[in-house]
């Protein structure tokens, strides 16, 4: 889903648009009916012959980056990496949780602010945990926007996850009133299957310095690598499982054959 969205955003670069309100609530699906129906449903509503296409909607806060809005970012003369042009656009535009530091703090910005938002969305989708949950405005500004704090992105080993979570029963997890405990537990279980390249991508997208973030085309290429790596790991595990099953079946066959020979 997200790879299609990233590609759509990449196609918007030539329009010099800053979307400014990228968040899960503004992502939906359009069902495109297949040319022919093969499920033989009795009504159109029950037909399963369609393709779900992710769509971003609500462009009410989108801004065109026009030359007359050009303004240099105050910290981009510090000898750091080269920067793309920035624009004096609406400050604090969008949803706070997904808002880049430069937008929230009223600095000039560009389309890389959308890359930051996509990084937060990508983390949320990949971890199944809403980041910065329970943060007040002051805490979010001090710790996240100014301090650079981000959720834990370390990828634990399967053994360590098993040792830390086997003591927590399902009932204890469901009945828990501690959102921090529930979020940390769930995030740890989901990160264990992350490819390393996914962590690199999210870290790059929500970097404090907009100059260090990839452009949308670069983010698409990095996401493609994540998907390829994840598919390779899944295929490898399936191949290993099949090989193990084959060896087990072969062993059972040999034992059965030996047993029949002994009986004779």
C-alpha atoms as a PDB file:
ATOM      1  CA  UNK A   1       0.000   0.000   0.000  1.00  0.00           C
ATOM      2  CA  UNK A   2       2.596   2.560   1.091  1.00  0.00           C
ATOM      3  CA  UNK A   3       4.830   1.930  -1.908  1.00  0.00           C
ATOM      4  CA  UNK A   4       1.979   3.068  -4.165  1.00  0.00           C
ATOM      5  CA  UNK A   5       1.428   6.162  -2.025  1.00  0.00           C
ATOM      6  CA  UNK A   6       5.131   7.007  -2.069  1.00  0.00           C
ATOM      7  CA  UNK A   7       5.092   6.759  -5.869  1.00  0.00           C
ATOM      8  CA  UNK A   8       2.054   9.034  -6.046  1.00  0.00           C
ATOM      9  CA  UNK A   9       3.848  11.626  -3.934  1.00  0.00           C
ATOM     10  CA  UNK A  10       6.887  11.325  -6.147  1.00  0.00           C
ATOM     11  CA  UNK A  11       4.756  12.276  -9.129  1.00  0.00           C
ATOM     12  CA  UNK A  12       3.673  15.450  -7.277  1.00  0.00           C
ATOM     13  CA  UNK A  13       7.229  16.799  -7.021  1.00  0.00           C
ATOM     14  CA  UNK A  14       6.975  18.413 -10.440  1.00  0.00           C
ATOM     15  CA  UNK A  15       3.892  20.346  -9.261  1.00  0.00           C
ATOM     16  CA  UNK A  16       5.821  22.058  -6.415  1.00  0.00           C
ATOM     17  CA  UNK A  17       3.164  21.152  -3.874  1.00  0.00           C
ATOM     18  CA  UNK A  18       3.469  20.680  -0.134  1.00  0.00           C
ATOM     19  CA  UNK A  19       0.595  18.483   1.059  1.00  0.00           C
ATOM     20  CA  UNK A  20       1.020  19.355   4.773  1.00  0.00           C
ATOM     21  CA  UNK A  21      -1.592  16.986   6.197  1.00  0.00           C
ATOM     22  CA  UNK A  22      -0.388  13.447   5.568  1.00  0.00           C
ATOM     23  CA  UNK A  23      -1.746  11.076   8.221  1.00  0.00           C
ATOM     24  CA  UNK A  24      -3.548   7.693   8.378  1.00  0.00           C
ATOM     25  CA  UNK A  25      -6.950   9.388   8.660  1.00  0.00           C
ATOM     26  CA  UNK A  26      -6.390  10.930   5.228  1.00  0.00           C
ATOM     27  CA  UNK A  27      -5.523   7.665   3.518  1.00  0.00           C
ATOM     28  CA  UNK A  28      -8.295   5.519   2.094  1.00  0.00           C
ATOM     29  CA  UNK A  29      -8.990   2.958  -0.597  1.00  0.00           C
ATOM     30  CA  UNK A  30     -10.711   3.149  -3.936  1.00  0.00           C
ATOM     31  CA  UNK A  31     -12.198  -0.095  -5.224  1.00  0.00           C
ATOM     32  CA  UNK A  32     -11.617  -0.381  -8.938  1.00  0.00           C
ATOM     33  CA  UNK A  33     -13.836  -3.059 -10.447  1.00  0.00           C
ATOM     34  CA  UNK A  34     -12.149  -5.663 -12.599  1.00  0.00           C
ATOM     35  CA  UNK A  35     -13.217  -5.736 -16.270  1.00  0.00           C
ATOM     36  CA  UNK A  36     -14.909  -9.109 -15.826  1.00  0.00           C
ATOM     37  CA  UNK A  37     -16.497 -10.739 -12.790  1.00  0.00           C
ATOM     38  CA  UNK A  38     -15.346 -14.280 -11.977  1.00  0.00           C
ATOM     39  CA  UNK A  39     -16.749 -14.688  -8.453  1.00  0.00           C
ATOM     40  CA  UNK A  40     -20.351 -15.049  -9.710  1.00  0.00           C
ATOM     41  CA  UNK A  41     -21.715 -12.873  -6.916  1.00  0.00           C
ATOM     42  CA  UNK A  42     -25.465 -12.365  -6.907  1.00  0.00           C
ATOM     43  CA  UNK A  43     -25.145  -8.599  -6.501  1.00  0.00           C
ATOM     44  CA  UNK A  44     -22.574  -5.913  -7.268  1.00  0.00           C
ATOM     45  CA  UNK A  45     -22.181  -5.142  -3.563  1.00  0.00           C
ATOM     46  CA  UNK A  46     -20.972  -8.676  -2.874  1.00  0.00           C
ATOM     47  CA  UNK A  47     -18.655  -8.888  -5.870  1.00  0.00           C
ATOM     48  CA  UNK A  48     -15.051  -9.576  -4.900  1.00  0.00           C
ATOM     49  CA  UNK A  49     -13.610  -8.881  -8.332  1.00  0.00           C
ATOM     50  CA  UNK A  50     -11.944  -5.555  -7.626  1.00  0.00           C
ATOM     51  CA  UNK A  51      -8.577  -4.041  -6.857  1.00  0.00           C
ATOM     52  CA  UNK A  52      -8.140  -1.800  -3.821  1.00  0.00           C
ATOM     53  CA  UNK A  53      -6.030   1.244  -4.673  1.00  0.00           C
ATOM     54  CA  UNK A  54      -4.731   3.435  -1.818  1.00  0.00           C
ATOM     55  CA  UNK A  55      -5.606   7.101  -2.175  1.00  0.00           C
ATOM     56  CA  UNK A  56      -4.657  10.238  -0.285  1.00  0.00           C
ATOM     57  CA  UNK A  57      -7.477  12.692   0.183  1.00  0.00           C
ATOM     58  CA  UNK A  58      -8.129  16.049   1.857  1.00  0.00           C
ATOM     59  CA  UNK A  59      -5.790  18.455   0.079  1.00  0.00           C
ATOM     60  CA  UNK A  60      -7.356  21.435   1.849  1.00  0.00           C
ATOM     61  CA  UNK A  61      -4.045  22.473   3.446  1.00  0.00           C
ATOM     62  CA  UNK A  62      -1.855  21.868   0.377  1.00  0.00           C
ATOM     63  CA  UNK A  63       0.270  24.818  -0.684  1.00  0.00           C
ATOM     64  CA  UNK A  64       1.952  25.622  -3.976  1.00  0.00           C
ATOM     65  CA  UNK A  65       5.605  26.544  -3.515  1.00  0.00           C
ATOM     66  CA  UNK A  66       5.755  29.665  -5.654  1.00  0.00           C
ATOM     67  CA  UNK A  67       8.942  31.682  -6.279  1.00  0.00           C
ATOM     68  CA  UNK A  68       7.570  34.681  -4.409  1.00  0.00           C
ATOM     69  CA  UNK A  69       7.447  32.566  -1.220  1.00  0.00           C
ATOM     70  CA  UNK A  70      11.159  31.722  -1.357  1.00  0.00           C
ATOM     71  CA  UNK A  71      12.936  32.280   1.944  1.00  0.00           C
ATOM     72  CA  UNK A  72      16.120  30.774   3.278  1.00  0.00           C
ATOM     73  CA  UNK A  73      15.936  28.582   6.356  1.00  0.00           C
ATOM     74  CA  UNK A  74      17.744  30.371   9.224  1.00  0.00           C
ATOM     75  CA  UNK A  75      20.008  27.421  10.030  1.00  0.00           C
ATOM     76  CA  UNK A  76      20.939  26.464   6.463  1.00  0.00           C
ATOM     77  CA  UNK A  77      23.984  28.712   6.398  1.00  0.00           C
ATOM     78  CA  UNK A  78      25.782  26.652   9.029  1.00  0.00           C
ATOM     79  CA  UNK A  79      28.072  24.850   6.618  1.00  0.00           C
ATOM     80  CA  UNK A  80      25.924  21.716   6.647  1.00  0.00           C
ATOM     81  CA  UNK A  81      24.848  19.684   3.628  1.00  0.00           C
ATOM     82  CA  UNK A  82      23.501  21.589   0.603  1.00  0.00           C
ATOM     83  CA  UNK A  83      19.814  22.381   0.807  1.00  0.00           C
ATOM     84  CA  UNK A  84      16.964  22.649  -1.650  1.00  0.00           C
ATOM     85  CA  UNK A  85      15.084  25.967  -1.813  1.00  0.00           C
ATOM     86  CA  UNK A  86      12.748  26.604   1.111  1.00  0.00           C
ATOM     87  CA  UNK A  87       9.570  28.652   1.214  1.00  0.00           C
ATOM     88  CA  UNK A  88       7.783  30.755   3.781  1.00  0.00           C
ATOM     89  CA  UNK A  89       4.493  28.863   3.959  1.00  0.00           C
ATOM     90  CA  UNK A  90       1.785  28.420   6.578  1.00  0.00           C
ATOM     91  CA  UNK A  91       3.231  27.454   9.969  1.00  0.00           C
ATOM     92  CA  UNK A  92       1.777  24.739  12.208  1.00  0.00           C
ATOM     93  CA  UNK A  93      -0.301  23.432   9.321  1.00  0.00           C
ATOM     94  CA  UNK A  94      -1.585  19.863   9.653  1.00  0.00           C
ATOM     95  CA  UNK A  95      -1.822  17.360  12.490  1.00  0.00           C
ATOM     96  CA  UNK A  96       0.738  17.855  15.230  1.00  0.00           C
ATOM     97  CA  UNK A  97       1.780  14.210  15.557  1.00  0.00           C
ATOM     98  CA  UNK A  98       2.809  14.026  11.891  1.00  0.00           C
ATOM     99  CA  UNK A  99       4.120  17.601  11.597  1.00  0.00           C
ATOM    100  CA  UNK A 100       7.787  18.173  10.821  1.00  0.00           C
ATOM    101  CA  UNK A 101       9.867  20.370  13.151  1.00  0.00           C
ATOM    102  CA  UNK A 102      10.276  23.141  10.596  1.00  0.00           C
ATOM    103  CA  UNK A 103       6.509  23.368  10.027  1.00  0.00           C
ATOM    104  CA  UNK A 104       5.634  23.255  13.738  1.00  0.00           C
ATOM    105  CA  UNK A 105       8.278  25.838  14.667  1.00  0.00           C
ATOM    106  CA  UNK A 106       7.358  28.257  11.889  1.00  0.00           C
ATOM    107  CA  UNK A 107      10.556  27.965   9.822  1.00  0.00           C
ATOM    108  CA  UNK A 108      10.663  28.023   6.003  1.00  0.00           C
ATOM    109  CA  UNK A 109      10.243  24.558   4.530  1.00  0.00           C
ATOM    110  CA  UNK A 110       9.655  22.593   1.350  1.00  0.00           C
ATOM    111  CA  UNK A 111       8.305  19.221   0.201  1.00  0.00           C
ATOM    112  CA  UNK A 112      10.641  17.389   2.593  1.00  0.00           C
ATOM    113  CA  UNK A 113       8.100  18.200   5.319  1.00  0.00           C
ATOM    114  CA  UNK A 114       5.841  15.648   3.610  1.00  0.00           C
ATOM    115  CA  UNK A 115       8.666  13.090   3.680  1.00  0.00           C
ATOM    116  CA  UNK A 116       8.832  13.557   7.463  1.00  0.00           C
ATOM    117  CA  UNK A 117       5.073  12.956   7.749  1.00  0.00           C
ATOM    118  CA  UNK A 118       5.337   9.811   5.647  1.00  0.00           C
ATOM    119  CA  UNK A 119       8.123   8.564   7.915  1.00  0.00           C
ATOM    120  CA  UNK A 120       5.836   8.858  10.945  1.00  0.00           C
ATOM    121  CA  UNK A 121       3.021   7.112   9.064  1.00  0.00           C
ATOM    122  CA  UNK A 122       5.405   4.384   7.935  1.00  0.00           C
ATOM    123  CA  UNK A 123       6.482   3.765  11.530  1.00  0.00           C
ATOM    124  CA  UNK A 124       2.866   3.603  12.694  1.00  0.00           C
ATOM    125  CA  UNK A 125       1.866   1.154   9.964  1.00  0.00           C
ATOM    126  CA  UNK A 126       4.947  -1.028  10.490  1.00  0.00           C
ATOM    127  CA  UNK A 127       4.823  -1.140  14.301  1.00  0.00           C
ATOM    128  CA  UNK A 128       1.017  -0.981  14.764  1.00  0.00           C
ATOM    129  CA  UNK A 129       1.702   1.613  17.462  1.00  0.00           C
ATOM    130  CA  UNK A 130       0.644   5.269  17.365  1.00  0.00           C
ATOM    131  CA  UNK A 131       3.819   7.306  18.039  1.00  0.00           C
ATOM    132  CA  UNK A 132       3.957  10.006  20.722  1.00  0.00           C
ATOM    133  CA  UNK A 133       0.659   8.838  22.212  1.00  0.00           C
ATOM    134  CA  UNK A 134      -0.280  10.801  25.325  1.00  0.00           C
ATOM    135  CA  UNK A 135       2.236  13.592  24.707  1.00  0.00           C
ATOM    136  CA  UNK A 136       1.103  17.104  25.601  1.00  0.00           C
ATOM    137  CA  UNK A 137       1.836  19.936  23.171  1.00  0.00           C
ATOM    138  CA  UNK A 138       4.684  21.167  25.350  1.00  0.00           C
ATOM    139  CA  UNK A 139       6.218  17.728  25.754  1.00  0.00           C
ATOM    140  CA  UNK A 140       5.933  17.003  22.029  1.00  0.00           C
ATOM    141  CA  UNK A 141       7.625  20.303  21.187  1.00  0.00           C
ATOM    142  CA  UNK A 142      10.393  19.955  23.782  1.00  0.00           C
ATOM    143  CA  UNK A 143      11.221  16.287  23.313  1.00  0.00           C
ATOM    144  CA  UNK A 144      10.307  15.501  19.710  1.00  0.00           C
ATOM    145  CA  UNK A 145      10.446  18.716  17.673  1.00  0.00           C
ATOM    146  CA  UNK A 146      13.367  20.368  19.493  1.00  0.00           C
ATOM    147  CA  UNK A 147      15.002  17.425  21.262  1.00  0.00           C
ATOM    148  CA  UNK A 148      14.843  14.963  18.362  1.00  0.00           C
ATOM    149  CA  UNK A 149      13.373  12.097  20.409  1.00  0.00           C
ATOM    150  CA  UNK A 150      11.910   9.258  18.354  1.00  0.00           C
ATOM    151  CA  UNK A 151      10.339   5.896  19.255  1.00  0.00           C
ATOM    152  CA  UNK A 152      12.667   2.960  19.899  1.00  0.00           C
ATOM    153  CA  UNK A 153      13.645   1.506  16.535  1.00  0.00           C
ATOM    154  CA  UNK A 154      16.025  -1.219  17.648  1.00  0.00           C
ATOM    155  CA  UNK A 155      15.330  -4.588  16.050  1.00  0.00           C
ATOM    156  CA  UNK A 156      15.382  -7.268  18.770  1.00  0.00           C
ATOM    157  CA  UNK A 157      16.248 -10.903  18.245  1.00  0.00           C
ATOM    158  CA  UNK A 158      13.464 -13.462  18.284  1.00  0.00           C
ATOM    159  CA  UNK A 159      14.992 -15.101  21.336  1.00  0.00           C
ATOM    160  CA  UNK A 160      15.035 -11.864  23.340  1.00  0.00           C
ATOM    161  CA  UNK A 161      11.427 -11.092  22.402  1.00  0.00           C
ATOM    162  CA  UNK A 162      10.356 -14.579  23.433  1.00  0.00           C
ATOM    163  CA  UNK A 163      12.108 -14.276  26.792  1.00  0.00           C
ATOM    164  CA  UNK A 164      10.588 -10.855  27.508  1.00  0.00           C
ATOM    165  CA  UNK A 165       7.033 -11.575  26.431  1.00  0.00           C
ATOM    166  CA  UNK A 166       6.390 -15.197  27.401  1.00  0.00           C
ATOM    167  CA  UNK A 167       5.725 -14.130  30.986  1.00  0.00           C
ATOM    168  CA  UNK A 168       2.877 -11.832  29.891  1.00  0.00           C
ATOM    169  CA  UNK A 169      -0.363 -13.700  29.358  1.00  0.00           C
ATOM    170  CA  UNK A 170      -2.924 -12.663  26.772  1.00  0.00           C
ATOM    171  CA  UNK A 171      -5.412 -11.675  29.488  1.00  0.00           C
ATOM    172  CA  UNK A 172      -2.805  -9.519  31.236  1.00  0.00           C
ATOM    173  CA  UNK A 173      -2.030  -7.731  27.998  1.00  0.00           C
ATOM    174  CA  UNK A 174      -5.668  -7.139  27.013  1.00  0.00           C
ATOM    175  CA  UNK A 175      -6.744  -6.081  30.498  1.00  0.00           C
ATOM    176  CA  UNK A 176      -3.813  -3.748  31.036  1.00  0.00           C
ATOM    177  CA  UNK A 177      -4.650  -0.092  31.706  1.00  0.00           C
ATOM    178  CA  UNK A 178      -1.073   0.996  30.997  1.00  0.00           C
ATOM    179  CA  UNK A 179      -0.873   2.287  27.394  1.00  0.00           C
ATOM    180  CA  UNK A 180       2.918   2.526  27.572  1.00  0.00           C
ATOM    181  CA  UNK A 181       3.211  -1.139  28.531  1.00  0.00           C
ATOM    182  CA  UNK A 182       0.842  -2.188  25.753  1.00  0.00           C
ATOM    183  CA  UNK A 183       2.589  -0.051  23.121  1.00  0.00           C
ATOM    184  CA  UNK A 184       6.080  -1.228  24.062  1.00  0.00           C
ATOM    185  CA  UNK A 185       4.966  -4.861  24.086  1.00  0.00           C
ATOM    186  CA  UNK A 186       3.300  -4.624  20.687  1.00  0.00           C
ATOM    187  CA  UNK A 187       6.093  -2.595  19.089  1.00  0.00           C
ATOM    188  CA  UNK A 188       8.701  -5.105  20.267  1.00  0.00           C
ATOM    189  CA  UNK A 189       6.755  -7.980  18.726  1.00  0.00           C
ATOM    190  CA  UNK A 190       6.359  -6.208  15.376  1.00  0.00           C
ATOM    191  CA  UNK A 191       9.931  -4.883  15.096  1.00  0.00           C
ATOM    192  CA  UNK A 192      11.341  -8.375  15.349  1.00  0.00           C
ATOM    193  CA  UNK A 193      10.351  -9.028  11.713  1.00  0.00           C
ATOM    194  CA  UNK A 194      11.503  -5.682  10.335  1.00  0.00           C
ATOM    195  CA  UNK A 195      14.179  -5.730   7.654  1.00  0.00           C
ATOM    196  CA  UNK A 196      17.163  -3.572   8.580  1.00  0.00           C
ATOM    197  CA  UNK A 197      16.534  -1.351   5.577  1.00  0.00           C
ATOM    198  CA  UNK A 198      13.120  -0.342   6.992  1.00  0.00           C
ATOM    199  CA  UNK A 199      14.739   1.126  10.096  1.00  0.00           C
ATOM    200  CA  UNK A 200      17.176   3.032   7.886  1.00  0.00           C
ATOM    201  CA  UNK A 201      14.325   4.406   5.771  1.00  0.00           C
ATOM    202  CA  UNK A 202      12.214   5.595   8.720  1.00  0.00           C
ATOM    203  CA  UNK A 203      15.253   7.161  10.413  1.00  0.00           C
ATOM    204  CA  UNK A 204      16.056   9.040   7.211  1.00  0.00           C
ATOM    205  CA  UNK A 205      12.490  10.222   6.597  1.00  0.00           C
ATOM    206  CA  UNK A 206      11.895  11.720  10.040  1.00  0.00           C
ATOM    207  CA  UNK A 207      15.368  13.200  10.430  1.00  0.00           C
ATOM    208  CA  UNK A 208      15.461  16.531  12.307  1.00  0.00           C
ATOM    209  CA  UNK A 209      17.420  18.204   9.523  1.00  0.00           C
ATOM    210  CA  UNK A 210      15.336  18.405   6.340  1.00  0.00           C
ATOM    211  CA  UNK A 211      18.567  18.397   4.312  1.00  0.00           C
ATOM    212  CA  UNK A 212      19.318  14.873   5.520  1.00  0.00           C
ATOM    213  CA  UNK A 213      15.968  13.453   4.402  1.00  0.00           C
ATOM    214  CA  UNK A 214      15.657  11.681   1.055  1.00  0.00           C
ATOM    215  CA  UNK A 215      13.524  13.217  -1.644  1.00  0.00           C
ATOM    216  CA  UNK A 216      10.394  11.307  -2.554  1.00  0.00           C
ATOM    217  CA  UNK A 217      12.120   9.473  -5.391  1.00  0.00           C
ATOM    218  CA  UNK A 218      14.884   8.339  -3.048  1.00  0.00           C
ATOM    219  CA  UNK A 219      12.320   7.253  -0.451  1.00  0.00           C
ATOM    220  CA  UNK A 220      10.540   5.158  -3.109  1.00  0.00           C
ATOM    221  CA  UNK A 221      13.799   3.419  -4.022  1.00  0.00           C
ATOM    222  CA  UNK A 222      14.568   2.715  -0.346  1.00  0.00           C
ATOM    223  CA  UNK A 223      11.061   1.356   0.247  1.00  0.00           C
ATOM    224  CA  UNK A 224      11.416  -0.935  -2.772  1.00  0.00           C
ATOM    225  CA  UNK A 225      14.607  -2.311  -1.194  1.00  0.00           C
ATOM    226  CA  UNK A 226      12.741  -2.893   2.086  1.00  0.00           C
ATOM    227  CA  UNK A 227       9.998  -4.821   0.306  1.00  0.00           C
ATOM    228  CA  UNK A 228      12.513  -6.894  -1.662  1.00  0.00           C
ATOM    229  CA  UNK A 229      14.471  -7.689   1.506  1.00  0.00           C
ATOM    230  CA  UNK A 230      11.315  -8.653   3.396  1.00  0.00           C
ATOM    231  CA  UNK A 231      10.079 -10.863   0.561  1.00  0.00           C
ATOM    232  CA  UNK A 232      13.475 -12.526   0.377  1.00  0.00           C
ATOM    233  CA  UNK A 233      13.422 -13.292   4.107  1.00  0.00           C
ATOM    234  CA  UNK A 234       9.893 -14.709   3.879  1.00  0.00           C
ATOM    235  CA  UNK A 235      10.812 -16.847   0.870  1.00  0.00           C
ATOM    236  CA  UNK A 236      13.911 -18.071   2.667  1.00  0.00           C
ATOM    237  CA  UNK A 237      11.932 -19.058   5.766  1.00  0.00           C
ATOM    238  CA  UNK A 238       9.340 -20.843   3.639  1.00  0.00           C
ATOM    239  CA  UNK A 239      12.052 -22.700   1.745  1.00  0.00           C
ATOM    240  CA  UNK A 240      13.685 -23.656   5.037  1.00  0.00           C
ATOM    241  CA  UNK A 241      10.373 -24.837   6.443  1.00  0.00           C
ATOM    242  CA  UNK A 242       9.687 -26.950   3.349  1.00  0.00           C
ATOM    243  CA  UNK A 243      13.174 -28.416   3.507  1.00  0.00           C
ATOM    244  CA  UNK A 244      12.725 -29.241   7.169  1.00  0.00           C
ATOM    245  CA  UNK A 245       9.346 -30.871   6.487  1.00  0.00           C
ATOM    246  CA  UNK A 246      10.836 -32.890   3.650  1.00  0.00           C
ATOM    247  CA  UNK A 247      13.659 -34.132   5.879  1.00  0.00           C
ATOM    248  CA  UNK A 248      11.185 -35.018   8.595  1.00  0.00           C
ATOM    249  CA  UNK A 249       8.991 -36.917   6.158  1.00  0.00           C
ATOM    250  CA  UNK A 250      12.025 -38.701   4.754  1.00  0.00           C
ATOM    251  CA  UNK A 251      13.095 -39.713   8.246  1.00  0.00           C
ATOM    252  CA  UNK A 252       9.631 -41.066   9.051  1.00  0.00           C
ATOM    253  CA  UNK A 253       9.610 -43.014   5.781  1.00  0.00           C
ATOM    254  CA  UNK A 254      12.997 -44.549   6.560  1.00  0.00           C
ATOM    255  CA  UNK A 255      11.921 -45.513  10.081  1.00  0.00           C
ATOM    256  CA  UNK A 256       8.700 -47.053   8.768  1.00  0.00           C
ATOM    257  CA  UNK A 257      10.631 -49.002   6.111  1.00  0.00           C
ATOM    258  CA  UNK A 258      13.127 -50.250   8.701  1.00  0.00           C
ATOM    259  CA  UNK A 259      10.289 -51.290  11.000  1.00  0.00           C
ATOM    260  CA  UNK A 260       8.571 -53.274   8.224  1.00  0.00           C
ATOM    261  CA  UNK A 261      11.855 -54.975   7.323  1.00  0.00           C
ATOM    262  CA  UNK A 262      12.397 -55.977  10.932  1.00  0.00           C
ATOM    263  CA  UNK A 263       8.898 -57.449  11.160  1.00  0.00           C
ATOM    264  CA  UNK A 264       9.542 -59.611   8.124  1.00  0.00           C
END
